[in-house]
Amino acid sequence: MGRIFGLEGKTWLARSSWWGMVAASFVLVVEVLENLAYLANASNLVLYLSKFMHFSPSRSANAVTNFMGTAFLLALLGGFLSDTYFTSYHT
């Protein structure tokens, strides 16, 4: 099979667990970057509401946190409805 990042001579199980750690690290990095982008958009939305829409800073922050809370709760509600009523498996 040749050299794969210094894993020559190791069993298939050792290679598969090493690639599993690489995949888990990739998922962790993607999740961190996703949360960073979400919070960056939220802070930009606060600035947009206060500067261009002429909300007060407290009112714009309140609107953004209400939006974030609604988005998270609707995701839970959508998951529940999807799992309960909209599945294709009827057991």
N, C-alpha and C. Protein backbone atom coordinates (compact mmCIF):
# COMPACT_ATOMS: atom_id res chain seq x y z
N MET A 1 0.82 -1.19 0.00
CA MET A 1 0.00 0.00 0.00
C MET A 1 0.86 1.25 0.00
N GLY A 2 2.10 1.14 0.39
CA GLY A 2 2.99 2.30 0.35
C GLY A 2 2.93 3.12 1.62
N ARG A 3 3.59 4.25 1.58
CA ARG A 3 3.62 5.13 2.76
C ARG A 3 2.34 5.96 2.82
N ILE A 4 1.70 5.90 3.96
CA ILE A 4 0.54 6.77 4.21
C ILE A 4 0.83 7.51 5.50
N PHE A 5 1.47 8.65 5.39
CA PHE A 5 1.76 9.52 6.52
C PHE A 5 2.46 8.79 7.66
N GLY A 6 3.41 7.94 7.35
CA GLY A 6 4.18 7.26 8.36
C GLY A 6 3.46 6.12 9.04
N LEU A 7 2.47 5.53 8.40
CA LEU A 7 1.72 4.45 9.01
C LEU A 7 2.09 3.09 8.43
N GLU A 8 3.23 2.98 7.76
CA GLU A 8 3.59 1.70 7.18
C GLU A 8 3.89 0.71 8.30
N GLY A 9 3.50 -0.52 8.10
CA GLY A 9 3.74 -1.57 9.07
C GLY A 9 2.67 -1.67 10.14
N LYS A 10 1.73 -0.78 10.18
CA LYS A 10 0.66 -0.85 11.17
C LYS A 10 -0.51 -1.63 10.59
N THR A 11 -1.34 -2.16 11.47
CA THR A 11 -2.47 -2.94 11.01
C THR A 11 -3.56 -2.02 10.47
N TRP A 12 -4.54 -2.63 9.81
CA TRP A 12 -5.64 -1.86 9.25
C TRP A 12 -6.42 -1.16 10.35
N LEU A 13 -6.57 -1.81 11.53
CA LEU A 13 -7.32 -1.22 12.63
C LEU A 13 -6.65 0.03 13.15
N ALA A 14 -5.33 0.01 13.24
CA ALA A 14 -4.61 1.20 13.72
C ALA A 14 -4.77 2.35 12.73
N ARG A 15 -4.71 2.05 11.44
CA ARG A 15 -4.90 3.10 10.44
C ARG A 15 -6.31 3.66 10.49
N SER A 16 -7.31 2.78 10.67
CA SER A 16 -8.68 3.26 10.67
C SER A 16 -8.96 4.12 11.91
N SER A 17 -8.40 3.79 13.05
CA SER A 17 -8.63 4.63 14.23
C SER A 17 -7.90 5.96 14.08
N TRP A 18 -6.76 5.97 13.40
CA TRP A 18 -6.05 7.23 13.17
C TRP A 18 -6.87 8.14 12.25
N TRP A 19 -7.45 7.57 11.19
CA TRP A 19 -8.29 8.38 10.30
C TRP A 19 -9.56 8.82 11.00
N GLY A 20 -10.04 8.04 11.95
CA GLY A 20 -11.19 8.44 12.74
C GLY A 20 -10.90 9.68 13.56
N MET A 21 -9.69 9.78 14.10
CA MET A 21 -9.30 10.97 14.86
C MET A 21 -9.18 12.17 13.94
N VAL A 22 -8.71 11.95 12.73
CA VAL A 22 -8.62 13.05 11.76
C VAL A 22 -10.02 13.55 11.41
N ALA A 23 -10.95 12.63 11.19
CA ALA A 23 -12.33 13.01 10.86
C ALA A 23 -12.99 13.72 12.03
N ALA A 24 -12.77 13.23 13.25
CA ALA A 24 -13.35 13.88 14.42
C ALA A 24 -12.78 15.28 14.62
N SER A 25 -11.50 15.46 14.37
CA SER A 25 -10.89 16.78 14.48
C SER A 25 -11.46 17.72 13.43
N PHE A 26 -11.67 17.21 12.23
CA PHE A 26 -12.27 18.03 11.17
C PHE A 26 -13.67 18.48 11.56
N VAL A 27 -14.48 17.58 12.10
CA VAL A 27 -15.84 17.92 12.51
C VAL A 27 -15.80 18.96 13.62
N LEU A 28 -14.89 18.81 14.57
CA LEU A 28 -14.77 19.77 15.67
C LEU A 28 -14.40 21.15 15.15
N VAL A 29 -13.45 21.22 14.23
CA VAL A 29 -13.04 22.51 13.67
C VAL A 29 -14.18 23.15 12.89
N VAL A 30 -14.92 22.37 12.13
CA VAL A 30 -16.04 22.91 11.36
C VAL A 30 -17.12 23.45 12.29
N GLU A 31 -17.40 22.76 13.39
CA GLU A 31 -18.40 23.24 14.34
C GLU A 31 -17.97 24.53 15.00
N VAL A 32 -16.70 24.64 15.36
CA VAL A 32 -16.20 25.87 15.97
C VAL A 32 -16.30 27.03 14.98
N LEU A 33 -15.92 26.80 13.74
CA LEU A 33 -16.01 27.86 12.74
C LEU A 33 -17.46 28.24 12.43
N GLU A 34 -18.36 27.27 12.47
CA GLU A 34 -19.77 27.57 12.24
C GLU A 34 -20.31 28.46 13.35
N ASN A 35 -19.99 28.15 14.60
CA ASN A 35 -20.44 28.99 15.71
C ASN A 35 -19.81 30.37 15.66
N LEU A 36 -18.57 30.45 15.25
CA LEU A 36 -17.90 31.74 15.12
C LEU A 36 -18.59 32.59 14.06
N ALA A 37 -18.94 32.00 12.94
CA ALA A 37 -19.63 32.73 11.88
C ALA A 37 -21.02 33.16 12.32
N TYR A 38 -21.71 32.32 13.06
CA TYR A 38 -23.05 32.65 13.53
C TYR A 38 -23.00 33.84 14.49
N LEU A 39 -22.05 33.83 15.41
CA LEU A 39 -21.93 34.94 16.35
C LEU A 39 -21.44 36.21 15.67
N ALA A 40 -20.61 36.08 14.66
CA ALA A 40 -20.17 37.26 13.91
C ALA A 40 -21.34 37.89 13.17
N ASN A 41 -22.20 37.06 12.59
CA ASN A 41 -23.39 37.59 11.92
C ASN A 41 -24.34 38.23 12.92
N ALA A 42 -24.45 37.67 14.10
CA ALA A 42 -25.33 38.25 15.12
C ALA A 42 -24.81 39.61 15.55
N SER A 43 -23.51 39.75 15.74
CA SER A 43 -22.98 41.06 16.15
C SER A 43 -23.10 42.07 15.01
N ASN A 44 -22.94 41.63 13.77
CA ASN A 44 -23.15 42.53 12.64
C ASN A 44 -24.62 42.95 12.53
N LEU A 45 -25.53 42.06 12.88
CA LEU A 45 -26.95 42.40 12.85
C LEU A 45 -27.28 43.44 13.92
N VAL A 46 -26.65 43.35 15.08
CA VAL A 46 -26.85 44.36 16.12
C VAL A 46 -26.36 45.72 15.62
N LEU A 47 -25.20 45.74 14.99
CA LEU A 47 -24.68 47.00 14.46
C LEU A 47 -25.57 47.55 13.35
N TYR A 48 -26.06 46.68 12.49
CA TYR A 48 -26.94 47.11 11.41
C TYR A 48 -28.23 47.71 11.96
N LEU A 49 -28.82 47.05 12.94
CA LEU A 49 -30.07 47.55 13.50
C LEU A 49 -29.87 48.87 14.22
N SER A 50 -28.74 49.05 14.87
CA SER A 50 -28.54 50.30 15.61
C SER A 50 -28.11 51.45 14.70
N LYS A 51 -27.28 51.18 13.70
CA LYS A 51 -26.76 52.27 12.87
C LYS A 51 -27.70 52.64 11.72
N PHE A 52 -28.21 51.65 10.99
CA PHE A 52 -28.99 51.94 9.79
C PHE A 52 -30.49 51.94 10.03
N MET A 53 -30.97 51.11 10.95
CA MET A 53 -32.40 51.07 11.24
C MET A 53 -32.77 51.98 12.41
N HIS A 54 -31.77 52.60 13.03
CA HIS A 54 -31.94 53.57 14.10
C HIS A 54 -32.67 53.01 15.32
N PHE A 55 -32.37 51.74 15.64
CA PHE A 55 -32.83 51.18 16.91
C PHE A 55 -31.87 51.64 17.99
N SER A 56 -32.33 51.63 19.22
CA SER A 56 -31.40 51.88 20.32
C SER A 56 -30.52 50.63 20.48
N PRO A 57 -29.34 50.77 21.06
CA PRO A 57 -28.49 49.58 21.21
C PRO A 57 -29.15 48.46 22.02
N SER A 58 -29.88 48.81 23.05
CA SER A 58 -30.53 47.77 23.85
C SER A 58 -31.67 47.10 23.07
N ARG A 59 -32.42 47.89 22.29
CA ARG A 59 -33.51 47.32 21.51
C ARG A 59 -32.98 46.43 20.38
N SER A 60 -31.86 46.84 19.77
CA SER A 60 -31.30 46.02 18.69
C SER A 60 -30.72 44.72 19.25
N ALA A 61 -30.06 44.78 20.41
CA ALA A 61 -29.54 43.55 21.01
C ALA A 61 -30.69 42.63 21.43
N ASN A 62 -31.76 43.22 21.94
CA ASN A 62 -32.92 42.42 22.33
C ASN A 62 -33.55 41.75 21.11
N ALA A 63 -33.65 42.46 20.00
CA ALA A 63 -34.22 41.89 18.78
C ALA A 63 -33.37 40.73 18.27
N VAL A 64 -32.06 40.88 18.33
CA VAL A 64 -31.17 39.82 17.84
C VAL A 64 -31.23 38.60 18.75
N THR A 65 -31.25 38.80 20.06
CA THR A 65 -31.34 37.63 20.96
C THR A 65 -32.70 36.95 20.83
N ASN A 66 -33.76 37.73 20.60
CA ASN A 66 -35.07 37.10 20.35
C ASN A 66 -35.04 36.28 19.06
N PHE A 67 -34.38 36.80 18.04
CA PHE A 67 -34.25 36.06 16.78
C PHE A 67 -33.44 34.78 16.98
N MET A 68 -32.35 34.86 17.72
CA MET A 68 -31.52 33.67 17.96
C MET A 68 -32.29 32.62 18.75
N GLY A 69 -33.01 33.05 19.78
CA GLY A 69 -33.79 32.11 20.57
C GLY A 69 -34.89 31.45 19.76
N THR A 70 -35.55 32.25 18.93
CA THR A 70 -36.60 31.70 18.08
C THR A 70 -36.04 30.71 17.07
N ALA A 71 -34.88 31.02 16.51
CA ALA A 71 -34.26 30.12 15.54
C ALA A 71 -33.89 28.79 16.18
N PHE A 72 -33.33 28.81 17.38
CA PHE A 72 -32.96 27.56 18.05
C PHE A 72 -34.19 26.75 18.45
N LEU A 73 -35.23 27.42 18.96
CA LEU A 73 -36.43 26.68 19.37
C LEU A 73 -37.19 26.13 18.18
N LEU A 74 -37.24 26.86 17.08
CA LEU A 74 -37.91 26.34 15.90
C LEU A 74 -37.16 25.16 15.29
N ALA A 75 -35.84 25.13 15.45
CA ALA A 75 -35.08 23.96 14.98
C ALA A 75 -35.46 22.72 15.79
N LEU A 76 -35.65 22.87 17.09
CA LEU A 76 -36.09 21.74 17.91
C LEU A 76 -37.51 21.31 17.54
N LEU A 77 -38.39 22.28 17.35
CA LEU A 77 -39.76 21.96 16.95
C LEU A 77 -39.79 21.27 15.59
N GLY A 78 -39.01 21.76 14.64
CA GLY A 78 -38.95 21.14 13.32
C GLY A 78 -38.41 19.72 13.38
N GLY A 79 -37.41 19.49 14.21
CA GLY A 79 -36.89 18.13 14.36
C GLY A 79 -37.91 17.19 14.96
N PHE A 80 -38.64 17.67 15.97
CA PHE A 80 -39.68 16.85 16.57
C PHE A 80 -40.77 16.51 15.56
N LEU A 81 -41.25 17.52 14.84
CA LEU A 81 -42.30 17.27 13.85
C LEU A 81 -41.82 16.35 12.74
N SER A 82 -40.59 16.52 12.33
CA SER A 82 -40.04 15.67 11.28
C SER A 82 -39.93 14.22 11.73
N ASP A 83 -39.45 14.02 12.95
CA ASP A 83 -39.31 12.65 13.44
C ASP A 83 -40.66 12.01 13.76
N THR A 84 -41.61 12.80 14.17
CA THR A 84 -42.89 12.24 14.60
C THR A 84 -43.85 12.02 13.44
N TYR A 85 -44.02 13.01 12.59
CA TYR A 85 -45.10 12.96 11.60
C TYR A 85 -44.64 12.81 10.16
N PHE A 86 -43.43 13.23 9.84
CA PHE A 86 -43.04 13.27 8.44
C PHE A 86 -42.03 12.20 8.05
N THR A 87 -42.01 11.09 8.77
CA THR A 87 -41.07 10.03 8.44
C THR A 87 -41.66 9.13 7.37
N SER A 88 -40.80 8.46 6.65
CA SER A 88 -41.29 7.54 5.61
C SER A 88 -41.39 6.12 6.14
N TYR A 89 -40.95 5.88 7.36
CA TYR A 89 -40.99 4.55 7.97
C TYR A 89 -42.15 4.48 8.94
N HIS A 90 -43.12 3.65 8.64
CA HIS A 90 -44.28 3.51 9.51
C HIS A 90 -44.20 2.14 10.17
N THR A 91 -43.71 2.10 11.41
CA THR A 91 -43.57 0.82 12.11
C THR A 91 -44.64 0.68 13.16
